[in-house]
Each structure stands twice: as C-alpha cells, then as structure tokens.
Amino acid sequence: MKGNAFMENNLNEETRVALIGIMLENTNNTEQMNEILHEYGKFIIGRMGLPYRERNLFIVSVVLDAPASTISALSGKLGMIEGITTKVIYCS
C-alpha cells in the first residue's frame, strides 16, 4: 500500500476530526481519487458523493479522524489530480 510508512509514523500523533470537500470536474480521474482514498481508509469515518449532472460536477465529502499531517497529505495528494479541487475543514 502506497504511503503506508508515512501513515505508520503518524499513528502516535494526536488526531483531529476533519471534513475534506472534493470537487471533481474530470470523471476520468475518479479511479485515481478512489485509490488514494483507499490508501487512507483506516482514517476515514465516512464519505458521501453527490452528482451535480447539470454542471457535470461531482461533489464528495470525506470525514476522517487522523493526525493533522495525514489530513493535509491526503488533501494535497487529491488536489494534485487534474480536475480535482479540495478544501479541508477542521473541527475545533
């Protein structure tokens, strides 16, 4: 599994609950997005996807409980995929 060593190093860090909002404008990259989310599966509490067909846009919400560095890494990896924009909201 890719990124496994990074995630193992962060298991002792304090975790935070966060929501990653994902806007997917290019459905050709859905598989790549899902592969990355699968890598971080042990941190994911749940996810929900909403198609907005009128605008050819797919909106995905991912809620996770993870170290801040892991949340940032996941958001960054997703944001590097063409046609994907991400934003993270942290619970205080």
N, C-alpha and C. Protein backbone atom coordinates (compact mmCIF):
# COMPACT_ATOMS: atom_id res chain seq x y z
N MET A 1 0.84 -1.17 0.00
CA MET A 1 0.00 0.00 0.00
C MET A 1 0.89 1.25 0.00
N LYS A 2 0.66 2.16 -0.93
CA LYS A 2 1.44 3.39 -1.01
C LYS A 2 1.19 4.24 0.22
N GLY A 3 2.23 4.97 0.66
CA GLY A 3 2.07 5.89 1.77
C GLY A 3 1.99 5.22 3.13
N ASN A 4 2.13 3.90 3.19
CA ASN A 4 1.97 3.17 4.43
C ASN A 4 3.00 3.60 5.48
N ALA A 5 4.26 3.78 5.09
CA ALA A 5 5.30 4.17 6.05
C ALA A 5 4.98 5.54 6.63
N PHE A 6 4.53 6.47 5.80
CA PHE A 6 4.16 7.80 6.27
C PHE A 6 3.04 7.71 7.30
N MET A 7 2.04 6.92 7.01
CA MET A 7 0.89 6.80 7.91
C MET A 7 1.29 6.11 9.21
N GLU A 8 2.17 5.12 9.14
CA GLU A 8 2.60 4.42 10.35
C GLU A 8 3.36 5.38 11.28
N ASN A 9 4.16 6.28 10.71
CA ASN A 9 4.92 7.23 11.52
C ASN A 9 4.02 8.21 12.25
N ASN A 10 2.80 8.43 11.77
CA ASN A 10 1.91 9.42 12.35
C ASN A 10 0.88 8.83 13.30
N LEU A 11 0.92 7.56 13.57
CA LEU A 11 -0.09 6.94 14.42
C LEU A 11 -0.04 7.42 15.86
N ASN A 12 1.11 7.92 16.32
CA ASN A 12 1.23 8.37 17.70
C ASN A 12 0.84 9.84 17.87
N GLU A 13 0.60 10.55 16.78
CA GLU A 13 0.20 11.95 16.85
C GLU A 13 -1.25 12.06 17.32
N GLU A 14 -1.57 13.21 17.91
CA GLU A 14 -2.94 13.49 18.29
C GLU A 14 -3.78 13.61 17.01
N THR A 15 -4.98 13.06 17.04
CA THR A 15 -5.82 13.10 15.86
C THR A 15 -6.85 14.22 15.95
N ARG A 16 -7.35 14.59 14.77
CA ARG A 16 -8.39 15.61 14.67
C ARG A 16 -9.47 15.08 13.74
N VAL A 17 -10.68 15.57 13.95
CA VAL A 17 -11.77 15.24 13.05
C VAL A 17 -11.84 16.35 12.01
N ALA A 18 -11.93 15.95 10.76
CA ALA A 18 -11.95 16.93 9.67
C ALA A 18 -12.85 16.44 8.55
N LEU A 19 -13.27 17.39 7.74
CA LEU A 19 -14.03 17.10 6.54
C LEU A 19 -13.23 17.61 5.35
N ILE A 20 -13.02 16.75 4.38
CA ILE A 20 -12.39 17.17 3.13
C ILE A 20 -13.49 17.26 2.08
N GLY A 21 -13.69 18.45 1.55
CA GLY A 21 -14.63 18.65 0.47
C GLY A 21 -13.88 18.52 -0.85
N ILE A 22 -14.41 17.71 -1.74
CA ILE A 22 -13.75 17.43 -3.02
C ILE A 22 -14.71 17.80 -4.15
N MET A 23 -14.25 18.64 -5.07
CA MET A 23 -14.99 18.96 -6.29
C MET A 23 -14.28 18.26 -7.44
N LEU A 24 -14.99 17.38 -8.08
CA LEU A 24 -14.41 16.58 -9.17
C LEU A 24 -15.03 17.02 -10.49
N GLU A 25 -14.22 17.65 -11.33
CA GLU A 25 -14.70 18.16 -12.61
C GLU A 25 -14.30 17.26 -13.78
N ASN A 26 -13.46 16.28 -13.52
CA ASN A 26 -12.98 15.40 -14.58
C ASN A 26 -13.19 13.95 -14.13
N THR A 27 -14.25 13.33 -14.62
CA THR A 27 -14.58 11.97 -14.18
C THR A 27 -13.57 10.94 -14.65
N ASN A 28 -12.66 11.32 -15.55
CA ASN A 28 -11.62 10.39 -15.98
C ASN A 28 -10.67 10.05 -14.84
N ASN A 29 -10.64 10.88 -13.81
CA ASN A 29 -9.71 10.68 -12.70
C ASN A 29 -10.37 10.12 -11.44
N THR A 30 -11.58 9.63 -11.58
CA THR A 30 -12.30 9.07 -10.43
C THR A 30 -11.56 7.87 -9.84
N GLU A 31 -11.04 7.01 -10.68
CA GLU A 31 -10.33 5.82 -10.20
C GLU A 31 -9.09 6.21 -9.39
N GLN A 32 -8.35 7.20 -9.87
CA GLN A 32 -7.16 7.66 -9.15
C GLN A 32 -7.55 8.24 -7.79
N MET A 33 -8.63 9.01 -7.74
CA MET A 33 -9.11 9.57 -6.48
C MET A 33 -9.49 8.44 -5.52
N ASN A 34 -10.22 7.44 -5.99
CA ASN A 34 -10.65 6.34 -5.14
C ASN A 34 -9.48 5.52 -4.63
N GLU A 35 -8.43 5.36 -5.44
CA GLU A 35 -7.24 4.63 -5.00
C GLU A 35 -6.57 5.36 -3.83
N ILE A 36 -6.48 6.67 -3.93
CA ILE A 36 -5.86 7.45 -2.85
C ILE A 36 -6.73 7.38 -1.60
N LEU A 37 -8.03 7.52 -1.75
CA LEU A 37 -8.91 7.41 -0.58
C LEU A 37 -8.80 6.03 0.06
N HIS A 38 -8.65 5.00 -0.73
CA HIS A 38 -8.49 3.65 -0.20
C HIS A 38 -7.22 3.54 0.65
N GLU A 39 -6.14 4.20 0.23
CA GLU A 39 -4.88 4.18 0.97
C GLU A 39 -5.07 4.72 2.40
N TYR A 40 -5.98 5.67 2.54
CA TYR A 40 -6.22 6.32 3.82
C TYR A 40 -7.47 5.78 4.51
N GLY A 41 -7.96 4.65 4.08
CA GLY A 41 -9.21 4.08 4.55
C GLY A 41 -9.32 3.91 6.05
N LYS A 42 -8.21 3.61 6.73
CA LYS A 42 -8.30 3.39 8.18
C LYS A 42 -8.59 4.67 8.95
N PHE A 43 -8.44 5.82 8.31
CA PHE A 43 -8.73 7.10 8.95
C PHE A 43 -10.12 7.63 8.60
N ILE A 44 -10.73 7.08 7.57
CA ILE A 44 -12.00 7.61 7.06
C ILE A 44 -13.17 7.09 7.88
N ILE A 45 -13.96 8.03 8.40
CA ILE A 45 -15.18 7.69 9.15
C ILE A 45 -16.31 7.41 8.17
N GLY A 46 -16.41 8.23 7.14
CA GLY A 46 -17.45 8.05 6.13
C GLY A 46 -17.25 8.99 4.96
N ARG A 47 -17.95 8.70 3.88
CA ARG A 47 -17.88 9.55 2.70
C ARG A 47 -19.22 9.55 1.99
N MET A 48 -19.47 10.64 1.29
CA MET A 48 -20.72 10.77 0.55
C MET A 48 -20.41 11.49 -0.76
N GLY A 49 -20.94 10.96 -1.85
CA GLY A 49 -20.76 11.58 -3.14
C GLY A 49 -22.08 12.03 -3.73
N LEU A 50 -22.09 13.22 -4.30
CA LEU A 50 -23.29 13.78 -4.90
C LEU A 50 -23.01 14.19 -6.34
N PRO A 51 -23.70 13.61 -7.30
CA PRO A 51 -23.52 14.07 -8.68
C PRO A 51 -24.36 15.33 -8.92
N TYR A 52 -23.78 16.31 -9.55
CA TYR A 52 -24.49 17.52 -9.95
C TYR A 52 -24.44 17.54 -11.48
N ARG A 53 -25.33 16.75 -12.07
CA ARG A 53 -25.30 16.47 -13.50
C ARG A 53 -25.45 17.72 -14.37
N GLU A 54 -26.25 18.68 -13.90
CA GLU A 54 -26.47 19.89 -14.68
C GLU A 54 -25.18 20.65 -14.95
N ARG A 55 -24.21 20.48 -14.07
CA ARG A 55 -22.92 21.17 -14.24
C ARG A 55 -21.77 20.21 -14.50
N ASN A 56 -22.09 18.94 -14.71
CA ASN A 56 -21.07 17.91 -14.93
C ASN A 56 -20.01 17.97 -13.82
N LEU A 57 -20.49 18.01 -12.58
CA LEU A 57 -19.64 18.15 -11.41
C LEU A 57 -20.03 17.08 -10.39
N PHE A 58 -19.04 16.53 -9.73
CA PHE A 58 -19.29 15.55 -8.68
C PHE A 58 -18.68 16.08 -7.39
N ILE A 59 -19.48 16.08 -6.34
CA ILE A 59 -19.07 16.63 -5.05
C ILE A 59 -18.95 15.47 -4.07
N VAL A 60 -17.79 15.36 -3.43
CA VAL A 60 -17.54 14.27 -2.49
C VAL A 60 -17.15 14.88 -1.15
N SER A 61 -17.77 14.39 -0.08
CA SER A 61 -17.41 14.78 1.28
C SER A 61 -16.79 13.58 1.95
N VAL A 62 -15.62 13.78 2.56
CA VAL A 62 -14.93 12.71 3.27
C VAL A 62 -14.67 13.19 4.70
N VAL A 63 -15.17 12.44 5.67
CA VAL A 63 -14.96 12.77 7.08
C VAL A 63 -13.94 11.79 7.64
N LEU A 64 -12.92 12.32 8.33
CA LEU A 64 -11.91 11.44 8.86
C LEU A 64 -11.44 11.89 10.23
N ASP A 65 -10.82 10.97 10.93
CA ASP A 65 -10.21 11.20 12.24
C ASP A 65 -8.77 10.75 12.09
N ALA A 66 -7.86 11.73 12.01
CA ALA A 66 -6.47 11.42 11.70
C ALA A 66 -5.56 12.53 12.21
N PRO A 67 -4.26 12.25 12.27
CA PRO A 67 -3.32 13.33 12.58
C PRO A 67 -3.42 14.44 11.53
N ALA A 68 -3.19 15.68 11.95
CA ALA A 68 -3.28 16.81 11.03
C ALA A 68 -2.37 16.64 9.81
N SER A 69 -1.20 16.07 10.02
CA SER A 69 -0.26 15.87 8.90
C SER A 69 -0.81 14.87 7.89
N THR A 70 -1.55 13.88 8.35
CA THR A 70 -2.15 12.88 7.46
C THR A 70 -3.29 13.51 6.67
N ILE A 71 -4.09 14.32 7.34
CA ILE A 71 -5.20 15.01 6.67
C ILE A 71 -4.65 15.91 5.58
N SER A 72 -3.62 16.65 5.91
CA SER A 72 -3.00 17.56 4.94
C SER A 72 -2.41 16.79 3.76
N ALA A 73 -1.75 15.68 4.05
CA ALA A 73 -1.15 14.86 2.98
C ALA A 73 -2.23 14.32 2.05
N LEU A 74 -3.32 13.83 2.61
CA LEU A 74 -4.41 13.30 1.79
C LEU A 74 -5.00 14.39 0.92
N SER A 75 -5.31 15.54 1.50
CA SER A 75 -5.87 16.64 0.74
C SER A 75 -4.92 17.08 -0.37
N GLY A 76 -3.64 17.14 -0.05
CA GLY A 76 -2.64 17.53 -1.05
C GLY A 76 -2.54 16.56 -2.20
N LYS A 77 -2.55 15.25 -1.89
CA LYS A 77 -2.49 14.24 -2.95
C LYS A 77 -3.71 14.33 -3.86
N LEU A 78 -4.88 14.52 -3.25
CA LEU A 78 -6.10 14.62 -4.05
C LEU A 78 -6.08 15.88 -4.90
N GLY A 79 -5.62 16.98 -4.32
CA GLY A 79 -5.59 18.25 -5.03
C GLY A 79 -4.62 18.29 -6.19
N MET A 80 -3.67 17.37 -6.21
CA MET A 80 -2.71 17.31 -7.32
C MET A 80 -3.28 16.62 -8.55
N ILE A 81 -4.41 15.95 -8.41
CA ILE A 81 -5.04 15.27 -9.53
C ILE A 81 -5.75 16.30 -10.40
N GLU A 82 -5.52 16.22 -11.69
CA GLU A 82 -6.15 17.16 -12.63
C GLU A 82 -7.68 17.09 -12.52
N GLY A 83 -8.31 18.25 -12.41
CA GLY A 83 -9.76 18.31 -12.35
C GLY A 83 -10.35 18.15 -10.97
N ILE A 84 -9.48 18.10 -9.94
CA ILE A 84 -9.96 17.95 -8.56
C ILE A 84 -9.50 19.17 -7.75
N THR A 85 -10.44 19.71 -6.98
CA THR A 85 -10.16 20.79 -6.03
C THR A 85 -10.59 20.30 -4.66
N THR A 86 -9.77 20.57 -3.64
CA THR A 86 -10.12 20.14 -2.28
C THR A 86 -10.05 21.31 -1.31
N LYS A 87 -10.78 21.15 -0.22
CA LYS A 87 -10.76 22.12 0.88
C LYS A 87 -10.99 21.34 2.16
N VAL A 88 -10.22 21.66 3.20
CA VAL A 88 -10.33 20.95 4.48
C VAL A 88 -10.96 21.87 5.51
N ILE A 89 -11.89 21.30 6.28
CA ILE A 89 -12.49 21.98 7.42
C ILE A 89 -12.19 21.12 8.65
N TYR A 90 -11.57 21.74 9.66
CA TYR A 90 -11.24 21.03 10.89
C TYR A 90 -12.26 21.32 11.98
N CYS A 91 -12.57 20.32 12.77
CA CYS A 91 -13.39 20.51 13.97
C CYS A 91 -12.51 21.12 15.04
N SER A 92 -13.02 22.06 15.77
CA SER A 92 -12.20 22.74 16.79
C SER A 92 -11.99 21.86 18.01
